[in-house]
Amino acid sequence: MKKLLLAAVAALACASCAKSPVMGGIYTDIKDGMAVTGNAGSTKVGTAEVKGYVGLVAMGDASIQTAAREAGITRIHHVDYQTKSYVGVYTIYTVIVYGD
């Protein structure tokens, strides 16, 4: 029974790793681009995030629309994302929208 429980916990912990191309075993802090439009320049920055706990619970709204609305952006220039993870126990996924 202990082996089955350990295998289930390990599978859940690894399932959260699929979103990012590189994950550190103890600490991860990755920032990368998602999308670029033809709009030149950007004067506003909006963020939206999801937080995960112990690989079992994740809550939040990390949509591009939420990040744009938070900053009053109507024309999106580009979108980045950032993933931070602390020993896989606490994870933050942030969408960053740049625009006017």
N, C-alpha and C. Protein backbone atom coordinates (compact mmCIF):
# COMPACT_ATOMS: atom_id res chain seq x y z
N MET A 1 0.82 -1.19 0.00
CA MET A 1 0.00 0.00 0.00
C MET A 1 0.87 1.26 0.00
N LYS A 2 1.96 1.23 0.77
CA LYS A 2 2.85 2.38 0.82
C LYS A 2 3.45 2.67 -0.56
N LYS A 3 3.83 1.62 -1.28
CA LYS A 3 4.43 1.80 -2.60
C LYS A 3 3.42 2.40 -3.58
N LEU A 4 2.18 1.98 -3.50
CA LEU A 4 1.14 2.52 -4.36
C LEU A 4 0.90 4.00 -4.07
N LEU A 5 0.84 4.35 -2.80
CA LEU A 5 0.66 5.74 -2.41
C LEU A 5 1.84 6.59 -2.85
N LEU A 6 3.05 6.09 -2.67
CA LEU A 6 4.25 6.81 -3.10
C LEU A 6 4.26 7.01 -4.62
N ALA A 7 3.87 5.98 -5.36
CA ALA A 7 3.82 6.08 -6.82
C ALA A 7 2.78 7.11 -7.26
N ALA A 8 1.62 7.17 -6.58
CA ALA A 8 0.58 8.14 -6.91
C ALA A 8 1.05 9.56 -6.65
N VAL A 9 1.72 9.77 -5.52
CA VAL A 9 2.24 11.11 -5.19
C VAL A 9 3.31 11.52 -6.20
N ALA A 10 4.19 10.62 -6.58
CA ALA A 10 5.23 10.92 -7.56
C ALA A 10 4.63 11.25 -8.91
N ALA A 11 3.59 10.53 -9.32
CA ALA A 11 2.94 10.79 -10.60
C ALA A 11 2.28 12.16 -10.61
N LEU A 12 1.62 12.53 -9.52
CA LEU A 12 1.00 13.85 -9.43
C LEU A 12 2.04 14.96 -9.45
N ALA A 13 3.14 14.76 -8.78
CA ALA A 13 4.20 15.77 -8.75
C ALA A 13 4.80 15.96 -10.14
N CYS A 14 4.97 14.89 -10.87
CA CYS A 14 5.55 14.98 -12.22
C CYS A 14 4.55 15.52 -13.23
N ALA A 15 3.27 15.36 -12.99
CA ALA A 15 2.25 15.85 -13.92
C ALA A 15 2.32 17.36 -14.05
N SER A 16 2.68 18.07 -13.00
CA SER A 16 2.77 19.52 -13.08
C SER A 16 4.01 19.97 -13.84
N CYS A 17 4.94 19.09 -14.10
CA CYS A 17 6.17 19.43 -14.80
C CYS A 17 5.97 19.54 -16.30
N ALA A 18 4.89 19.04 -16.84
CA ALA A 18 4.69 18.98 -18.28
C ALA A 18 4.52 20.34 -18.92
N LYS A 19 4.12 21.35 -18.17
CA LYS A 19 3.85 22.67 -18.72
C LYS A 19 5.12 23.41 -19.12
N SER A 20 6.21 23.15 -18.47
CA SER A 20 7.46 23.86 -18.69
C SER A 20 8.50 22.94 -19.32
N PRO A 21 9.30 23.45 -20.26
CA PRO A 21 10.29 22.60 -20.91
C PRO A 21 11.45 22.20 -20.00
N VAL A 22 11.74 22.99 -18.98
CA VAL A 22 12.85 22.72 -18.06
C VAL A 22 12.36 22.95 -16.65
N MET A 23 12.63 22.02 -15.76
CA MET A 23 12.25 22.18 -14.36
C MET A 23 13.44 21.84 -13.48
N GLY A 24 13.70 22.70 -12.49
CA GLY A 24 14.74 22.42 -11.52
C GLY A 24 14.17 21.56 -10.41
N GLY A 25 14.98 20.71 -9.85
CA GLY A 25 14.51 19.82 -8.79
C GLY A 25 14.17 20.55 -7.51
N ILE A 26 14.90 21.63 -7.22
CA ILE A 26 14.67 22.37 -5.98
C ILE A 26 14.01 23.72 -6.26
N TYR A 27 14.48 24.44 -7.27
CA TYR A 27 13.95 25.77 -7.57
C TYR A 27 13.90 25.98 -9.07
N THR A 28 12.81 26.55 -9.55
CA THR A 28 12.64 26.87 -10.97
C THR A 28 12.17 28.30 -11.08
N ASP A 29 12.75 29.07 -12.00
CA ASP A 29 12.29 30.41 -12.33
C ASP A 29 12.54 30.62 -13.81
N ILE A 30 11.51 30.37 -14.64
CA ILE A 30 11.63 30.42 -16.10
C ILE A 30 10.70 31.50 -16.63
N LYS A 31 11.19 32.32 -17.56
CA LYS A 31 10.37 33.30 -18.24
C LYS A 31 10.58 33.12 -19.73
N ASP A 32 9.48 33.04 -20.49
CA ASP A 32 9.58 32.78 -21.92
C ASP A 32 8.43 33.48 -22.64
N GLY A 33 8.55 33.64 -23.94
CA GLY A 33 7.52 34.29 -24.75
C GLY A 33 6.49 33.29 -25.22
N MET A 34 5.25 33.76 -25.37
CA MET A 34 4.17 32.91 -25.85
C MET A 34 3.69 33.35 -27.23
N ALA A 35 3.40 34.64 -27.39
CA ALA A 35 2.79 35.11 -28.62
C ALA A 35 3.20 36.55 -28.90
N VAL A 36 3.26 36.90 -30.18
CA VAL A 36 3.59 38.26 -30.60
C VAL A 36 2.59 38.66 -31.68
N THR A 37 2.09 39.90 -31.61
CA THR A 37 1.20 40.41 -32.64
C THR A 37 1.93 41.47 -33.45
N GLY A 38 1.24 42.07 -34.38
CA GLY A 38 1.84 43.10 -35.20
C GLY A 38 1.85 44.47 -34.57
N ASN A 39 1.23 44.65 -33.40
CA ASN A 39 1.19 45.94 -32.73
C ASN A 39 2.58 46.32 -32.25
N ALA A 40 3.02 47.51 -32.62
CA ALA A 40 4.37 47.95 -32.23
C ALA A 40 4.35 48.64 -30.87
N GLY A 41 5.34 48.32 -30.04
CA GLY A 41 5.49 48.98 -28.75
C GLY A 41 4.44 48.58 -27.74
N SER A 42 4.70 48.92 -26.49
CA SER A 42 3.72 48.66 -25.45
C SER A 42 3.96 49.62 -24.29
N THR A 43 2.87 50.14 -23.75
CA THR A 43 2.98 51.09 -22.65
C THR A 43 2.41 50.53 -21.35
N LYS A 44 1.65 49.44 -21.44
CA LYS A 44 1.02 48.86 -20.24
C LYS A 44 1.43 47.40 -20.10
N VAL A 45 1.43 46.93 -18.86
CA VAL A 45 1.75 45.53 -18.56
C VAL A 45 0.72 45.01 -17.57
N GLY A 46 0.12 43.87 -17.91
CA GLY A 46 -0.85 43.23 -17.03
C GLY A 46 -0.44 41.81 -16.73
N THR A 47 -0.78 41.32 -15.55
CA THR A 47 -0.43 39.96 -15.17
C THR A 47 -1.66 39.22 -14.64
N ALA A 48 -1.62 37.91 -14.79
CA ALA A 48 -2.63 37.03 -14.21
C ALA A 48 -1.90 35.75 -13.82
N GLU A 49 -2.31 35.11 -12.72
CA GLU A 49 -1.54 33.95 -12.27
C GLU A 49 -2.40 32.85 -11.67
N VAL A 50 -1.79 31.68 -11.68
CA VAL A 50 -2.35 30.49 -11.05
C VAL A 50 -1.32 30.02 -10.03
N LYS A 51 -1.80 29.62 -8.85
CA LYS A 51 -0.89 29.09 -7.82
C LYS A 51 -1.26 27.64 -7.55
N GLY A 52 -0.23 26.82 -7.43
CA GLY A 52 -0.43 25.41 -7.14
C GLY A 52 0.25 25.03 -5.84
N TYR A 53 -0.37 24.11 -5.13
CA TYR A 53 0.13 23.70 -3.83
C TYR A 53 0.31 22.18 -3.80
N VAL A 54 1.52 21.72 -3.55
CA VAL A 54 1.89 20.32 -3.37
C VAL A 54 1.51 19.46 -4.58
N GLY A 55 1.33 20.05 -5.74
CA GLY A 55 0.97 19.29 -6.92
C GLY A 55 -0.42 18.70 -6.86
N LEU A 56 -1.22 19.09 -5.88
CA LEU A 56 -2.56 18.54 -5.71
C LEU A 56 -3.66 19.54 -5.97
N VAL A 57 -3.43 20.81 -5.65
CA VAL A 57 -4.44 21.85 -5.79
C VAL A 57 -3.83 23.01 -6.57
N ALA A 58 -4.57 23.51 -7.56
CA ALA A 58 -4.15 24.70 -8.31
C ALA A 58 -5.36 25.60 -8.46
N MET A 59 -5.16 26.91 -8.20
CA MET A 59 -6.27 27.86 -8.27
C MET A 59 -5.81 29.16 -8.92
N GLY A 60 -6.71 29.76 -9.67
CA GLY A 60 -6.43 31.06 -10.27
C GLY A 60 -6.90 31.14 -11.70
N ASP A 61 -6.67 32.29 -12.31
CA ASP A 61 -7.05 32.53 -13.70
C ASP A 61 -5.86 33.17 -14.39
N ALA A 62 -5.10 32.40 -15.13
CA ALA A 62 -3.92 32.91 -15.83
C ALA A 62 -4.22 33.09 -17.32
N SER A 63 -5.39 33.60 -17.63
CA SER A 63 -5.74 33.81 -19.03
C SER A 63 -5.19 35.15 -19.53
N ILE A 64 -4.97 35.22 -20.81
CA ILE A 64 -4.49 36.46 -21.44
C ILE A 64 -5.54 37.55 -21.25
N GLN A 65 -6.80 37.20 -21.38
CA GLN A 65 -7.88 38.18 -21.23
C GLN A 65 -7.88 38.80 -19.83
N THR A 66 -7.67 38.01 -18.80
CA THR A 66 -7.65 38.53 -17.43
C THR A 66 -6.46 39.47 -17.22
N ALA A 67 -5.29 39.08 -17.75
CA ALA A 67 -4.10 39.93 -17.61
C ALA A 67 -4.28 41.25 -18.35
N ALA A 68 -4.86 41.22 -19.55
CA ALA A 68 -5.09 42.44 -20.32
C ALA A 68 -6.11 43.35 -19.60
N ARG A 69 -7.16 42.77 -19.10
CA ARG A 69 -8.20 43.54 -18.40
C ARG A 69 -7.62 44.19 -17.14
N GLU A 70 -6.73 43.48 -16.42
CA GLU A 70 -6.13 44.00 -15.19
C GLU A 70 -5.36 45.29 -15.45
N ALA A 71 -4.77 45.43 -16.64
CA ALA A 71 -3.98 46.63 -16.95
C ALA A 71 -4.71 47.59 -17.88
N GLY A 72 -5.93 47.27 -18.27
CA GLY A 72 -6.67 48.14 -19.19
C GLY A 72 -6.12 48.08 -20.60
N ILE A 73 -5.58 46.95 -21.01
CA ILE A 73 -5.00 46.79 -22.35
C ILE A 73 -6.09 46.39 -23.32
N THR A 74 -6.16 47.12 -24.45
CA THR A 74 -7.12 46.78 -25.50
C THR A 74 -6.43 46.27 -26.76
N ARG A 75 -5.17 46.64 -26.95
CA ARG A 75 -4.36 46.14 -28.09
C ARG A 75 -3.13 45.44 -27.53
N ILE A 76 -3.05 44.15 -27.73
CA ILE A 76 -1.95 43.35 -27.18
C ILE A 76 -0.76 43.37 -28.13
N HIS A 77 0.42 43.65 -27.56
CA HIS A 77 1.67 43.63 -28.34
C HIS A 77 2.30 42.24 -28.27
N HIS A 78 2.56 41.76 -27.07
CA HIS A 78 3.08 40.40 -26.92
C HIS A 78 2.75 39.85 -25.54
N VAL A 79 2.92 38.53 -25.42
CA VAL A 79 2.57 37.82 -24.20
C VAL A 79 3.75 36.95 -23.78
N ASP A 80 4.11 37.01 -22.52
CA ASP A 80 5.14 36.15 -21.95
C ASP A 80 4.52 35.32 -20.84
N TYR A 81 5.24 34.30 -20.42
CA TYR A 81 4.82 33.56 -19.24
C TYR A 81 6.01 33.33 -18.34
N GLN A 82 5.73 33.14 -17.08
CA GLN A 82 6.78 32.87 -16.10
C GLN A 82 6.32 31.74 -15.19
N THR A 83 7.20 30.78 -14.96
CA THR A 83 6.91 29.68 -14.05
C THR A 83 7.93 29.70 -12.93
N LYS A 84 7.44 29.67 -11.71
CA LYS A 84 8.31 29.56 -10.54
C LYS A 84 7.85 28.35 -9.73
N SER A 85 8.81 27.58 -9.26
CA SER A 85 8.47 26.42 -8.45
C SER A 85 9.49 26.27 -7.34
N TYR A 86 9.01 26.01 -6.16
CA TYR A 86 9.85 25.83 -4.99
C TYR A 86 9.70 24.38 -4.51
N VAL A 87 10.64 23.54 -4.88
CA VAL A 87 10.69 22.13 -4.52
C VAL A 87 9.40 21.40 -4.94
N GLY A 88 8.69 21.93 -5.90
CA GLY A 88 7.45 21.31 -6.35
C GLY A 88 6.30 21.42 -5.37
N VAL A 89 6.53 22.08 -4.25
CA VAL A 89 5.51 22.22 -3.22
C VAL A 89 4.64 23.45 -3.48
N TYR A 90 5.25 24.53 -3.94
CA TYR A 90 4.54 25.77 -4.22
C TYR A 90 4.95 26.23 -5.62
N THR A 91 3.98 26.36 -6.51
CA THR A 91 4.25 26.72 -7.90
C THR A 91 3.39 27.92 -8.30
N ILE A 92 3.99 28.85 -9.04
CA ILE A 92 3.27 30.01 -9.55
C ILE A 92 3.46 30.07 -11.06
N TYR A 93 2.37 30.12 -11.81
CA TYR A 93 2.40 30.26 -13.26
C TYR A 93 1.77 31.61 -13.57
N THR A 94 2.54 32.51 -14.19
CA THR A 94 2.08 33.88 -14.45
C THR A 94 2.08 34.16 -15.94
N VAL A 95 1.00 34.75 -16.44
CA VAL A 95 0.92 35.23 -17.82
C VAL A 95 1.12 36.74 -17.76
N ILE A 96 2.01 37.27 -18.60
CA ILE A 96 2.34 38.69 -18.63
C ILE A 96 1.99 39.23 -20.00
N VAL A 97 1.07 40.20 -20.05
CA VAL A 97 0.58 40.77 -21.31
C VAL A 97 1.09 42.20 -21.44
N TYR A 98 1.66 42.52 -22.59
CA TYR A 98 2.16 43.87 -22.89
C TYR A 98 1.30 44.46 -23.99
N GLY A 99 0.95 45.74 -23.88
CA GLY A 99 0.16 46.38 -24.92
C GLY A 99 -0.25 47.78 -24.57
N ASP A 100 -1.24 48.27 -25.28
CA ASP A 100 -1.76 49.63 -25.10
C ASP A 100 -3.23 49.60 -24.71
